[in-house]
Amino acid sequence: MIGTLAALFGAALASWLLTGLVRRYALRSALLDVPNERSLHRAPTPRGGGLAIAVVTLGGLAIAALFSSIPSRVAWALGVGGALVAVVGWLDDRRGVRARTRAVVHAAAACWAAYWIWGELTLGAAAGVVCIVWAINLYNFMDGIDGLAGAEAASVGIIAGVLLMMGGRDDLALVAFVVAAAATGFLGWNWPPARIFMGDVGSGFLGFIFGALALFAGRSGALPLALALMLAGVFALDATVTLLRRMARGEHWYQAHRSHAYQRLVQAGARHAQVTTGVLAVNLVLGALAWLAQSGRIPMQAAVLAGIVVLTVLYLAIERRRPMFPGVPGPTLP
């Protein structure tokens, strides 16, 4: 246990140091996120810091596989697929990549992971590919304010790790803890006010890792998919509901916007740190519900229902404070 904790501390430190190096490179190379009418930051800020999360996580997976701490199929699925997503994300951060190219790479990475998770072509594997691709994109959608995506990865990684240990899968728990450690190191630079942004290299990579890890856990019976989805409920609900509402309104869903609930909170006057801290608090509540279900203290259905109620009430409260479509009647709290 002490050795594992020391290794995780080392991963966090390595991520912090590497993020600093990436920031220097970004400043020298003018790899900057310049504010526009869709942005929620005011000054040009270096981007691509998520490269540190990807490198540290992939390195951790390789070392864990070398010492047989995780199965080789887990390492192959997450390592190769994660590297593909990270590389195309880094190229996109640096000089831009066509949307079609990104989509093909994301789909290829998802198919690769599904192959190692299922081992055969089934309807479940096909559904898994769709889930992983959506996880990649929703994480990218939710990376829009200082600290949010990094804090989500750190908190969900820790909570998922604990639940996976309870489910008897210390190997998958180790993966979750490594991701959390890498995200924590990155947060040293990204916590509001951010000195570097994660970029597509980090957000896409995290979406892939969490999506594939959830499917591995669900297939093994260590953590039901319903509980894994609930842990990521803030991101999943905000991204999915926002996408569906924009599509229903006839908007181009792939264009940049500021319609997500977390973005509207900032527009309504909340500081980035307040929103990010609020999401952490919600994650603790969802994590507690998942722990109660995982330990058998309450039925899983009751935990999931309670989580849905919490998330719905919060979303409607934000809608009332800052409507997604001003002037258009929308859902309100009773």
C-alpha atoms as a PDB file:
ATOM      1  CA  MET A   1       0.000   0.000   0.000  1.00  0.00           C
ATOM      2  CA  ILE A   2       2.773   2.447   0.921  1.00  0.00           C
ATOM      3  CA  GLY A   3       4.574   1.640  -2.320  1.00  0.00           C
ATOM      4  CA  THR A   4       1.413   2.272  -4.337  1.00  0.00           C
ATOM      5  CA  LEU A   5       0.789   5.599  -2.615  1.00  0.00           C
ATOM      6  CA  ALA A   6       4.395   6.631  -3.254  1.00  0.00           C
ATOM      7  CA  ALA A   7       4.030   5.694  -6.928  1.00  0.00           C
ATOM      8  CA  LEU A   8       0.821   7.715  -7.227  1.00  0.00           C
ATOM      9  CA  PHE A   9       2.497  10.709  -5.576  1.00  0.00           C
ATOM     10  CA  GLY A  10       5.315  10.325  -8.096  1.00  0.00           C
ATOM     11  CA  ALA A  11       2.785  10.278 -10.937  1.00  0.00           C
ATOM     12  CA  ALA A  12       1.190  13.492  -9.676  1.00  0.00           C
ATOM     13  CA  LEU A  13       4.602  15.150  -9.340  1.00  0.00           C
ATOM     14  CA  ALA A  14       5.657  14.004 -12.798  1.00  0.00           C
ATOM     15  CA  SER A  15       2.431  15.394 -14.261  1.00  0.00           C
ATOM     16  CA  TRP A  16       2.974  18.727 -12.517  1.00  0.00           C
ATOM     17  CA  LEU A  17       6.552  18.997 -13.795  1.00  0.00           C
ATOM     18  CA  LEU A  18       5.645  17.927 -17.331  1.00  0.00           C
ATOM     19  CA  THR A  19       2.740  20.392 -17.452  1.00  0.00           C
ATOM     20  CA  GLY A  20       5.192  23.155 -16.635  1.00  0.00           C
ATOM     21  CA  LEU A  21       7.429  22.048 -19.505  1.00  0.00           C
ATOM     22  CA  VAL A  22       4.485  21.927 -21.901  1.00  0.00           C
ATOM     23  CA  ARG A  23       3.540  25.447 -20.807  1.00  0.00           C
ATOM     24  CA  ARG A  24       7.031  26.700 -21.644  1.00  0.00           C
ATOM     25  CA  TYR A  25       6.848  25.053 -25.034  1.00  0.00           C
ATOM     26  CA  ALA A  26       3.396  26.503 -25.681  1.00  0.00           C
ATOM     27  CA  LEU A  27       4.562  30.025 -24.833  1.00  0.00           C
ATOM     28  CA  ARG A  28       7.621  29.743 -27.073  1.00  0.00           C
ATOM     29  CA  SER A  29       5.597  28.242 -29.921  1.00  0.00           C
ATOM     30  CA  ALA A  30       2.645  30.632 -29.577  1.00  0.00           C
ATOM     31  CA  LEU A  31       0.416  27.653 -28.872  1.00  0.00           C
ATOM     32  CA  LEU A  32      -2.224  29.848 -27.303  1.00  0.00           C
ATOM     33  CA  ASP A  33      -5.981  29.799 -26.855  1.00  0.00           C
ATOM     34  CA  VAL A  34      -6.951  33.307 -27.975  1.00  0.00           C
ATOM     35  CA  PRO A  35     -10.287  34.567 -26.574  1.00  0.00           C
ATOM     36  CA  ASN A  36     -13.202  35.021 -28.949  1.00  0.00           C
ATOM     37  CA  GLU A  37     -16.907  35.700 -28.615  1.00  0.00           C
ATOM     38  CA  ARG A  38     -17.474  32.078 -27.507  1.00  0.00           C
ATOM     39  CA  SER A  39     -14.742  32.047 -24.865  1.00  0.00           C
ATOM     40  CA  LEU A  40     -15.040  32.477 -21.104  1.00  0.00           C
ATOM     41  CA  HIS A  41     -11.449  33.631 -20.570  1.00  0.00           C
ATOM     42  CA  ARG A  42     -10.053  37.090 -21.269  1.00  0.00           C
ATOM     43  CA  ALA A  43      -6.334  36.676 -21.980  1.00  0.00           C
ATOM     44  CA  PRO A  44      -4.482  34.407 -24.433  1.00  0.00           C
ATOM     45  CA  THR A  45      -3.597  31.257 -22.513  1.00  0.00           C
ATOM     46  CA  PRO A  46      -1.253  28.362 -23.375  1.00  0.00           C
ATOM     47  CA  ARG A  47      -3.022  25.110 -24.256  1.00  0.00           C
ATOM     48  CA  GLY A  48      -2.056  21.468 -24.604  1.00  0.00           C
ATOM     49  CA  GLY A  49      -1.325  20.861 -20.930  1.00  0.00           C
ATOM     50  CA  GLY A  50      -3.351  17.661 -21.077  1.00  0.00           C
ATOM     51  CA  LEU A  51      -0.342  16.117 -22.826  1.00  0.00           C
ATOM     52  CA  ALA A  52       1.124  15.664 -19.349  1.00  0.00           C
ATOM     53  CA  ILE A  53      -1.940  13.703 -18.216  1.00  0.00           C
ATOM     54  CA  ALA A  54      -1.727  11.431 -21.257  1.00  0.00           C
ATOM     55  CA  VAL A  55       2.020  10.808 -21.019  1.00  0.00           C
ATOM     56  CA  VAL A  56       1.968  10.089 -17.270  1.00  0.00           C
ATOM     57  CA  THR A  57      -1.097   7.854 -17.517  1.00  0.00           C
ATOM     58  CA  LEU A  58       0.261   5.882 -20.475  1.00  0.00           C
ATOM     59  CA  GLY A  59       3.612   5.551 -18.726  1.00  0.00           C
ATOM     60  CA  GLY A  60       1.862   4.326 -15.610  1.00  0.00           C
ATOM     61  CA  LEU A  61      -0.080   1.753 -17.610  1.00  0.00           C
ATOM     62  CA  ALA A  62       3.129   0.471 -19.211  1.00  0.00           C
ATOM     63  CA  ILE A  63       4.892   0.121 -15.870  1.00  0.00           C
ATOM     64  CA  ALA A  64       1.872  -1.533 -14.243  1.00  0.00           C
ATOM     65  CA  ALA A  65       1.631  -4.026 -17.111  1.00  0.00           C
ATOM     66  CA  LEU A  66       5.372  -4.724 -16.937  1.00  0.00           C
ATOM     67  CA  PHE A  67       5.034  -5.691 -13.267  1.00  0.00           C
ATOM     68  CA  SER A  68       1.775  -7.584 -13.933  1.00  0.00           C
ATOM     69  CA  SER A  69      -0.236  -5.159 -11.784  1.00  0.00           C
ATOM     70  CA  ILE A  70      -2.836  -4.916 -14.553  1.00  0.00           C
ATOM     71  CA  PRO A  71      -3.802  -7.496 -17.201  1.00  0.00           C
ATOM     72  CA  SER A  72      -2.107  -7.129 -20.565  1.00  0.00           C
ATOM     73  CA  ARG A  73      -5.458  -6.788 -22.351  1.00  0.00           C
ATOM     74  CA  VAL A  74      -6.330  -3.766 -20.202  1.00  0.00           C
ATOM     75  CA  ALA A  75      -2.951  -2.211 -20.939  1.00  0.00           C
ATOM     76  CA  TRP A  76      -3.266  -2.865 -24.689  1.00  0.00           C
ATOM     77  CA  ALA A  77      -6.835  -1.555 -24.869  1.00  0.00           C
ATOM     78  CA  LEU A  78      -6.250   1.635 -22.907  1.00  0.00           C
ATOM     79  CA  GLY A  79      -2.652   2.199 -23.967  1.00  0.00           C
ATOM     80  CA  VAL A  80      -2.961   1.960 -27.742  1.00  0.00           C
ATOM     81  CA  GLY A  81      -6.450   3.481 -27.915  1.00  0.00           C
ATOM     82  CA  GLY A  82      -5.524   6.274 -25.525  1.00  0.00           C
ATOM     83  CA  ALA A  83      -2.349   7.043 -27.468  1.00  0.00           C
ATOM     84  CA  LEU A  84      -4.316   7.342 -30.720  1.00  0.00           C
ATOM     85  CA  VAL A  85      -6.772   9.801 -29.196  1.00  0.00           C
ATOM     86  CA  ALA A  86      -4.008  11.782 -27.495  1.00  0.00           C
ATOM     87  CA  VAL A  87      -1.923  12.089 -30.674  1.00  0.00           C
ATOM     88  CA  VAL A  88      -4.782  13.365 -32.825  1.00  0.00           C
ATOM     89  CA  GLY A  89      -5.749  15.731 -30.001  1.00  0.00           C
ATOM     90  CA  TRP A  90      -2.211  17.103 -29.757  1.00  0.00           C
ATOM     91  CA  LEU A  91      -2.074  17.655 -33.506  1.00  0.00           C
ATOM     92  CA  ASP A  92      -5.431  19.411 -33.321  1.00  0.00           C
ATOM     93  CA  ASP A  93      -4.169  21.673 -30.529  1.00  0.00           C
ATOM     94  CA  ARG A  94      -1.040  22.538 -32.492  1.00  0.00           C
ATOM     95  CA  ARG A  95      -2.286  23.181 -36.004  1.00  0.00           C
ATOM     96  CA  GLY A  96      -5.840  21.894 -36.320  1.00  0.00           C
ATOM     97  CA  VAL A  97      -7.168  18.609 -37.668  1.00  0.00           C
ATOM     98  CA  ARG A  98     -10.208  18.109 -39.887  1.00  0.00           C
ATOM     99  CA  ALA A  99     -13.297  16.993 -38.000  1.00  0.00           C
ATOM    100  CA  ARG A 100     -13.607  13.931 -40.230  1.00  0.00           C
ATOM    101  CA  THR A 101     -10.059  12.853 -39.430  1.00  0.00           C
ATOM    102  CA  ARG A 102     -10.663  13.218 -35.699  1.00  0.00           C
ATOM    103  CA  ALA A 103     -13.877  11.222 -35.966  1.00  0.00           C
ATOM    104  CA  VAL A 104     -12.144   8.378 -37.810  1.00  0.00           C
ATOM    105  CA  VAL A 105      -9.345   8.194 -35.236  1.00  0.00           C
ATOM    106  CA  HIS A 106     -11.791   8.308 -32.330  1.00  0.00           C
ATOM    107  CA  ALA A 107     -13.865   5.536 -33.882  1.00  0.00           C
ATOM    108  CA  ALA A 108     -10.744   3.447 -34.519  1.00  0.00           C
ATOM    109  CA  ALA A 109      -9.616   3.845 -30.903  1.00  0.00           C
ATOM    110  CA  ALA A 110     -13.078   2.909 -29.652  1.00  0.00           C
ATOM    111  CA  CYS A 111     -13.184  -0.189 -31.877  1.00  0.00           C
ATOM    112  CA  TRP A 112      -9.742  -1.192 -30.647  1.00  0.00           C
ATOM    113  CA  ALA A 113     -10.839  -0.936 -27.017  1.00  0.00           C
ATOM    114  CA  ALA A 114     -14.099  -2.779 -27.681  1.00  0.00           C
ATOM    115  CA  TYR A 115     -12.131  -5.630 -29.265  1.00  0.00           C
ATOM    116  CA  TRP A 116     -10.118  -6.139 -26.086  1.00  0.00           C
ATOM    117  CA  ILE A 117     -13.156  -5.714 -23.829  1.00  0.00           C
ATOM    118  CA  TRP A 118     -15.503  -8.112 -25.671  1.00  0.00           C
ATOM    119  CA  GLY A 119     -13.143 -10.214 -27.766  1.00  0.00           C
ATOM    120  CA  GLU A 120     -15.773 -10.634 -30.474  1.00  0.00           C
ATOM    121  CA  LEU A 121     -18.187  -8.642 -32.597  1.00  0.00           C
ATOM    122  CA  THR A 122     -21.478  -8.375 -30.728  1.00  0.00           C
ATOM    123  CA  LEU A 123     -24.254  -5.830 -30.311  1.00  0.00           C
ATOM    124  CA  GLY A 124     -22.779  -5.036 -26.921  1.00  0.00           C
ATOM    125  CA  ALA A 125     -19.403  -4.303 -28.500  1.00  0.00           C
ATOM    126  CA  ALA A 126     -21.036  -2.033 -31.098  1.00  0.00           C
ATOM    127  CA  ALA A 127     -22.877  -0.168 -28.349  1.00  0.00           C
ATOM    128  CA  GLY A 128     -19.596   0.090 -26.467  1.00  0.00           C
ATOM    129  CA  VAL A 129     -17.938   1.769 -29.442  1.00  0.00           C
ATOM    130  CA  VAL A 130     -20.708   4.369 -29.535  1.00  0.00           C
ATOM    131  CA  CYS A 131     -20.396   4.954 -25.775  1.00  0.00           C
ATOM    132  CA  ILE A 132     -16.631   5.472 -25.945  1.00  0.00           C
ATOM    133  CA  VAL A 133     -16.884   7.874 -28.892  1.00  0.00           C
ATOM    134  CA  TRP A 134     -19.532   9.863 -27.056  1.00  0.00           C
ATOM    135  CA  ALA A 135     -17.403   9.888 -23.877  1.00  0.00           C
ATOM    136  CA  ILE A 136     -14.495  11.363 -25.878  1.00  0.00           C
ATOM    137  CA  ASN A 137     -16.676  14.119 -27.278  1.00  0.00           C
ATOM    138  CA  LEU A 138     -18.645  14.944 -24.145  1.00  0.00           C
ATOM    139  CA  TYR A 139     -15.443  15.396 -22.170  1.00  0.00           C
ATOM    140  CA  ASN A 140     -14.227  17.770 -24.843  1.00  0.00           C
ATOM    141  CA  PHE A 141     -17.516  19.695 -24.673  1.00  0.00           C
ATOM    142  CA  MET A 142     -17.210  20.054 -20.892  1.00  0.00           C
ATOM    143  CA  ASP A 143     -13.646  21.376 -20.932  1.00  0.00           C
ATOM    144  CA  GLY A 144     -14.580  25.035 -21.043  1.00  0.00           C
ATOM    145  CA  ILE A 145     -13.630  26.743 -17.778  1.00  0.00           C
ATOM    146  CA  ASP A 146     -10.600  26.739 -15.501  1.00  0.00           C
ATOM    147  CA  GLY A 147     -10.094  23.569 -13.507  1.00  0.00           C
ATOM    148  CA  LEU A 148     -13.349  21.830 -14.399  1.00  0.00           C
ATOM    149  CA  ALA A 149     -12.152  18.939 -16.576  1.00  0.00           C
ATOM    150  CA  GLY A 150      -9.108  18.297 -14.403  1.00  0.00           C
ATOM    151  CA  ALA A 151     -11.103  18.352 -11.185  1.00  0.00           C
ATOM    152  CA  GLU A 152     -13.665  15.993 -12.710  1.00  0.00           C
ATOM    153  CA  ALA A 153     -10.930  13.527 -13.665  1.00  0.00           C
ATOM    154  CA  ALA A 154      -9.280  13.691 -10.250  1.00  0.00           C
ATOM    155  CA  SER A 155     -12.482  13.275  -8.239  1.00  0.00           C
ATOM    156  CA  VAL A 156     -14.148  10.652 -10.437  1.00  0.00           C
ATOM    157  CA  GLY A 157     -10.871   8.741 -10.682  1.00  0.00           C
ATOM    158  CA  ILE A 158     -10.497   8.552  -6.912  1.00  0.00           C
ATOM    159  CA  ILE A 159     -14.122   7.609  -6.272  1.00  0.00           C
ATOM    160  CA  ALA A 160     -14.151   5.037  -9.074  1.00  0.00           C
ATOM    161  CA  GLY A 161     -10.926   3.563  -7.740  1.00  0.00           C
ATOM    162  CA  VAL A 162     -12.444   3.045  -4.300  1.00  0.00           C
ATOM    163  CA  LEU A 163     -15.573   1.456  -5.759  1.00  0.00           C
ATOM    164  CA  LEU A 164     -13.522  -0.834  -8.000  1.00  0.00           C
ATOM    165  CA  MET A 165     -11.511  -1.995  -4.997  1.00  0.00           C
ATOM    166  CA  MET A 166     -14.781  -2.771  -3.259  1.00  0.00           C
ATOM    167  CA  GLY A 167     -15.756  -4.747  -6.353  1.00  0.00           C
ATOM    168  CA  GLY A 168     -12.585  -6.827  -6.164  1.00  0.00           C
ATOM    169  CA  ARG A 169     -10.783  -5.302  -9.161  1.00  0.00           C
ATOM    170  CA  ASP A 170      -7.651  -3.744  -7.698  1.00  0.00           C
ATOM    171  CA  ASP A 171      -6.116  -3.715 -11.184  1.00  0.00           C
ATOM    172  CA  LEU A 172      -8.798  -1.471 -12.664  1.00  0.00           C
ATOM    173  CA  ALA A 173      -8.752   0.594  -9.473  1.00  0.00           C
ATOM    174  CA  LEU A 174      -5.045   1.217 -10.023  1.00  0.00           C
ATOM    175  CA  VAL A 175      -5.767   2.596 -13.493  1.00  0.00           C
ATOM    176  CA  ALA A 176      -8.379   4.960 -12.052  1.00  0.00           C
ATOM    177  CA  PHE A 177      -5.976   6.135  -9.349  1.00  0.00           C
ATOM    178  CA  VAL A 178      -3.186   6.771 -11.862  1.00  0.00           C
ATOM    179  CA  VAL A 179      -5.528   8.917 -13.967  1.00  0.00           C
ATOM    180  CA  ALA A 180      -6.577  10.809 -10.829  1.00  0.00           C
ATOM    181  CA  ALA A 181      -2.944  11.385  -9.845  1.00  0.00           C
ATOM    182  CA  ALA A 182      -2.025  12.666 -13.310  1.00  0.00           C
ATOM    183  CA  ALA A 183      -5.033  14.996 -13.318  1.00  0.00           C
ATOM    184  CA  THR A 184      -4.144  16.283  -9.845  1.00  0.00           C
ATOM    185  CA  GLY A 185      -0.642  17.220 -10.965  1.00  0.00           C
ATOM    186  CA  PHE A 186      -2.069  19.052 -13.970  1.00  0.00           C
ATOM    187  CA  LEU A 187      -4.498  20.918 -11.697  1.00  0.00           C
ATOM    188  CA  GLY A 188      -1.529  22.597 -10.032  1.00  0.00           C
ATOM    189  CA  TRP A 189      -1.309  24.694 -13.206  1.00  0.00           C
ATOM    190  CA  ASN A 190      -4.955  24.647 -14.296  1.00  0.00           C
ATOM    191  CA  TRP A 191      -6.795  25.562 -11.087  1.00  0.00           C
ATOM    192  CA  PRO A 192      -8.437  29.013 -11.445  1.00  0.00           C
ATOM    193  CA  PRO A 193      -6.946  31.253 -12.601  1.00  0.00           C
ATOM    194  CA  ALA A 194      -5.541  28.757 -15.096  1.00  0.00           C
ATOM    195  CA  ARG A 195      -1.990  29.198 -16.372  1.00  0.00           C
ATOM    196  CA  ILE A 196      -2.487  26.563 -19.058  1.00  0.00           C
ATOM    197  CA  PHE A 197      -5.481  24.811 -20.597  1.00  0.00           C
ATOM    198  CA  MET A 198      -5.915  21.087 -21.075  1.00  0.00           C
ATOM    199  CA  GLY A 199      -6.620  21.160 -24.785  1.00  0.00           C
ATOM    200  CA  ASP A 200      -8.046  18.378 -26.929  1.00  0.00           C
ATOM    201  CA  VAL A 201      -5.039  16.173 -26.185  1.00  0.00           C
ATOM    202  CA  GLY A 202      -6.186  15.918 -22.569  1.00  0.00           C
ATOM    203  CA  SER A 203      -9.959  16.107 -22.795  1.00  0.00           C
ATOM    204  CA  GLY A 204     -10.253  13.502 -25.554  1.00  0.00           C
ATOM    205  CA  PHE A 205      -7.795  11.207 -23.802  1.00  0.00           C
ATOM    206  CA  LEU A 206      -9.661  11.388 -20.489  1.00  0.00           C
ATOM    207  CA  GLY A 207     -13.000  10.773 -22.170  1.00  0.00           C
ATOM    208  CA  PHE A 208     -11.587   7.671 -23.852  1.00  0.00           C
ATOM    209  CA  ILE A 209      -9.958   6.293 -20.698  1.00  0.00           C
ATOM    210  CA  PHE A 210     -13.037   6.776 -18.521  1.00  0.00           C
ATOM    211  CA  GLY A 211     -15.359   5.387 -21.182  1.00  0.00           C
ATOM    212  CA  ALA A 212     -13.281   2.258 -21.786  1.00  0.00           C
ATOM    213  CA  LEU A 213     -12.578   1.771 -18.073  1.00  0.00           C
ATOM    214  CA  ALA A 214     -16.303   1.911 -17.285  1.00  0.00           C
ATOM    215  CA  LEU A 215     -16.976  -0.780 -19.887  1.00  0.00           C
ATOM    216  CA  PHE A 216     -14.184  -2.993 -18.534  1.00  0.00           C
ATOM    217  CA  ALA A 217     -15.617  -2.590 -15.033  1.00  0.00           C
ATOM    218  CA  GLY A 218     -19.172  -3.258 -16.150  1.00  0.00           C
ATOM    219  CA  ARG A 219     -18.229  -6.346 -18.144  1.00  0.00           C
ATOM    220  CA  SER A 220     -16.300  -7.785 -15.204  1.00  0.00           C
ATOM    221  CA  GLY A 221     -19.116  -7.111 -12.737  1.00  0.00           C
ATOM    222  CA  ALA A 222     -16.841  -5.002 -10.533  1.00  0.00           C
ATOM    223  CA  LEU A 223     -18.866  -1.814 -10.972  1.00  0.00           C
ATOM    224  CA  PRO A 224     -22.297  -1.681 -12.640  1.00  0.00           C
ATOM    225  CA  LEU A 225     -22.408   0.635 -15.643  1.00  0.00           C
ATOM    226  CA  ALA A 226     -25.317   2.523 -14.082  1.00  0.00           C
ATOM    227  CA  LEU A 227     -23.132   3.508 -11.113  1.00  0.00           C
ATOM    228  CA  ALA A 228     -20.170   4.368 -13.349  1.00  0.00           C
ATOM    229  CA  LEU A 229     -22.408   6.630 -15.420  1.00  0.00           C
ATOM    230  CA  MET A 230     -23.781   8.249 -12.283  1.00  0.00           C
ATOM    231  CA  LEU A 231     -20.257   9.136 -11.145  1.00  0.00           C
ATOM    232  CA  ALA A 232     -19.837  11.095 -14.370  1.00  0.00           C
ATOM    233  CA  GLY A 233     -23.408  12.397 -14.122  1.00  0.00           C
ATOM    234  CA  VAL A 234     -22.547  16.107 -14.130  1.00  0.00           C
ATOM    235  CA  PHE A 235     -20.648  15.850 -17.405  1.00  0.00           C
ATOM    236  CA  ALA A 236     -22.967  13.270 -18.972  1.00  0.00           C
ATOM    237  CA  LEU A 237     -26.186  15.156 -18.250  1.00  0.00           C
ATOM    238  CA  ASP A 238     -24.926  18.640 -19.141  1.00  0.00           C
ATOM    239  CA  ALA A 239     -23.291  17.551 -22.401  1.00  0.00           C
ATOM    240  CA  THR A 240     -26.114  15.270 -23.523  1.00  0.00           C
ATOM    241  CA  VAL A 241     -29.031  17.533 -22.647  1.00  0.00           C
ATOM    242  CA  THR A 242     -27.322  20.571 -24.157  1.00  0.00           C
ATOM    243  CA  LEU A 243     -26.591  18.684 -27.373  1.00  0.00           C
ATOM    244  CA  LEU A 244     -30.152  17.390 -27.704  1.00  0.00           C
ATOM    245  CA  ARG A 245     -31.690  20.804 -26.998  1.00  0.00           C
ATOM    246  CA  ARG A 246     -29.469  22.519 -29.556  1.00  0.00           C
ATOM    247  CA  MET A 247     -30.240  19.870 -32.172  1.00  0.00           C
ATOM    248  CA  ALA A 248     -33.970  20.165 -31.478  1.00  0.00           C
ATOM    249  CA  ARG A 249     -33.656  23.901 -32.055  1.00  0.00           C
ATOM    250  CA  GLY A 250     -31.964  23.315 -35.414  1.00  0.00           C
ATOM    251  CA  GLU A 251     -28.545  24.628 -34.381  1.00  0.00           C
ATOM    252  CA  HIS A 252     -25.282  23.244 -35.738  1.00  0.00           C
ATOM    253  CA  TRP A 253     -24.313  21.089 -32.735  1.00  0.00           C
ATOM    254  CA  TYR A 254     -20.643  20.856 -33.780  1.00  0.00           C
ATOM    255  CA  GLN A 255     -20.075  24.617 -33.655  1.00  0.00           C
ATOM    256  CA  ALA A 256     -18.538  26.281 -30.599  1.00  0.00           C
ATOM    257  CA  HIS A 257     -21.044  27.782 -28.185  1.00  0.00           C
ATOM    258  CA  ARG A 258     -21.601  28.835 -24.573  1.00  0.00           C
ATOM    259  CA  SER A 259     -24.844  26.997 -23.853  1.00  0.00           C
ATOM    260  CA  HIS A 260     -23.728  24.377 -21.344  1.00  0.00           C
ATOM    261  CA  ALA A 261     -25.085  24.729 -17.837  1.00  0.00           C
ATOM    262  CA  TYR A 262     -21.626  25.287 -16.351  1.00  0.00           C
ATOM    263  CA  GLN A 263     -20.928  28.013 -18.923  1.00  0.00           C
ATOM    264  CA  ARG A 264     -24.233  29.717 -18.176  1.00  0.00           C
ATOM    265  CA  LEU A 265     -23.390  29.756 -14.479  1.00  0.00           C
ATOM    266  CA  VAL A 266     -20.206  31.698 -15.271  1.00  0.00           C
ATOM    267  CA  GLN A 267     -22.159  34.059 -17.526  1.00  0.00           C
ATOM    268  CA  ALA A 268     -24.584  34.592 -14.646  1.00  0.00           C
ATOM    269  CA  GLY A 269     -21.740  35.860 -12.456  1.00  0.00           C
ATOM    270  CA  ALA A 270     -20.230  32.787 -10.804  1.00  0.00           C
ATOM    271  CA  ARG A 271     -16.444  32.533 -10.749  1.00  0.00           C
ATOM    272  CA  HIS A 272     -14.666  29.622 -12.391  1.00  0.00           C
ATOM    273  CA  ALA A 273     -13.452  28.393  -9.003  1.00  0.00           C
ATOM    274  CA  GLN A 274     -16.977  28.474  -7.601  1.00  0.00           C
ATOM    275  CA  VAL A 275     -18.399  26.387 -10.444  1.00  0.00           C
ATOM    276  CA  THR A 276     -15.541  23.893 -10.344  1.00  0.00           C
ATOM    277  CA  THR A 277     -15.804  23.550  -6.566  1.00  0.00           C
ATOM    278  CA  GLY A 278     -19.554  23.098  -6.886  1.00  0.00           C
ATOM    279  CA  VAL A 279     -19.055  20.250  -9.348  1.00  0.00           C
ATOM    280  CA  LEU A 280     -16.632  18.622  -6.920  1.00  0.00           C
ATOM    281  CA  ALA A 281     -19.279  18.836  -4.195  1.00  0.00           C
ATOM    282  CA  VAL A 282     -21.895  17.237  -6.461  1.00  0.00           C
ATOM    283  CA  ASN A 283     -19.425  14.481  -7.339  1.00  0.00           C
ATOM    284  CA  LEU A 284     -18.988  13.733  -3.640  1.00  0.00           C
ATOM    285  CA  VAL A 285     -22.749  13.363  -3.263  1.00  0.00           C
ATOM    286  CA  LEU A 286     -22.955  11.082  -6.299  1.00  0.00           C
ATOM    287  CA  GLY A 287     -19.950   9.143  -5.051  1.00  0.00           C
ATOM    288  CA  ALA A 288     -21.570   8.650  -1.661  1.00  0.00           C
ATOM    289  CA  LEU A 289     -24.724   7.309  -3.312  1.00  0.00           C
ATOM    290  CA  ALA A 290     -22.642   4.936  -5.447  1.00  0.00           C
ATOM    291  CA  TRP A 291     -20.747   3.756  -2.355  1.00  0.00           C
ATOM    292  CA  LEU A 292     -23.997   3.034  -0.547  1.00  0.00           C
ATOM    293  CA  ALA A 293     -25.163   0.962  -3.498  1.00  0.00           C
ATOM    294  CA  GLN A 294     -21.813  -0.789  -4.029  1.00  0.00           C
ATOM    295  CA  SER A 295     -21.679  -1.758  -0.350  1.00  0.00           C
ATOM    296  CA  GLY A 296     -25.235  -3.092  -0.450  1.00  0.00           C
ATOM    297  CA  ARG A 297     -26.623  -0.551   2.005  1.00  0.00           C
ATOM    298  CA  ILE A 298     -29.253   0.659  -0.444  1.00  0.00           C
ATOM    299  CA  PRO A 299     -30.548  -0.817  -3.728  1.00  0.00           C
ATOM    300  CA  MET A 300     -28.676   0.300  -6.834  1.00  0.00           C
ATOM    301  CA  GLN A 301     -31.916   1.512  -8.412  1.00  0.00           C
ATOM    302  CA  ALA A 302     -32.569   3.789  -5.432  1.00  0.00           C
ATOM    303  CA  ALA A 303     -29.066   5.253  -5.620  1.00  0.00           C
ATOM    304  CA  VAL A 304     -29.331   5.936  -9.341  1.00  0.00           C
ATOM    305  CA  LEU A 305     -32.789   7.473  -8.960  1.00  0.00           C
ATOM    306  CA  ALA A 306     -31.531   9.730  -6.171  1.00  0.00           C
ATOM    307  CA  GLY A 307     -28.604  10.785  -8.362  1.00  0.00           C
ATOM    308  CA  ILE A 308     -30.935  11.599 -11.253  1.00  0.00           C
ATOM    309  CA  VAL A 309     -33.109  13.697  -8.944  1.00  0.00           C
ATOM    310  CA  VAL A 310     -30.096  15.641  -7.637  1.00  0.00           C
ATOM    311  CA  LEU A 311     -28.769  16.345 -11.123  1.00  0.00           C
ATOM    312  CA  THR A 312     -32.183  17.273 -12.518  1.00  0.00           C
ATOM    313  CA  VAL A 313     -32.953  19.714  -9.720  1.00  0.00           C
ATOM    314  CA  LEU A 314     -29.570  21.398 -10.158  1.00  0.00           C
ATOM    315  CA  TYR A 315     -29.974  21.630 -13.932  1.00  0.00           C
ATOM    316  CA  LEU A 316     -33.425  23.165 -13.630  1.00  0.00           C
ATOM    317  CA  ALA A 317     -32.150  25.636 -11.047  1.00  0.00           C
ATOM    318  CA  ILE A 318     -29.452  26.770 -13.474  1.00  0.00           C
ATOM    319  CA  GLU A 319     -32.039  26.948 -16.259  1.00  0.00           C
ATOM    320  CA  ARG A 320     -34.176  29.246 -14.163  1.00  0.00           C
ATOM    321  CA  ARG A 321     -31.219  31.465 -13.281  1.00  0.00           C
ATOM    322  CA  ARG A 322     -29.770  31.619 -16.792  1.00  0.00           C
ATOM    323  CA  PRO A 323     -31.994  30.102 -19.512  1.00  0.00           C
ATOM    324  CA  MET A 324     -30.282  28.311 -22.347  1.00  0.00           C
ATOM    325  CA  PHE A 325     -32.471  30.160 -24.844  1.00  0.00           C
ATOM    326  CA  PRO A 326     -33.444  33.552 -23.337  1.00  0.00           C
ATOM    327  CA  GLY A 327     -36.972  34.588 -24.163  1.00  0.00           C
ATOM    328  CA  VAL A 328     -38.060  31.039 -24.935  1.00  0.00           C
ATOM    329  CA  PRO A 329     -40.241  29.339 -22.300  1.00  0.00           C
ATOM    330  CA  GLY A 330     -38.384  26.424 -20.769  1.00  0.00           C
ATOM    331  CA  PRO A 331     -38.575  24.025 -17.849  1.00  0.00           C
ATOM    332  CA  THR A 332     -38.861  25.592 -14.418  1.00  0.00           C
ATOM    333  CA  LEU A 333     -38.777  24.362 -10.881  1.00  0.00           C
ATOM    334  CA  PRO A 334     -42.152  23.870  -9.201  1.00  0.00           C
END
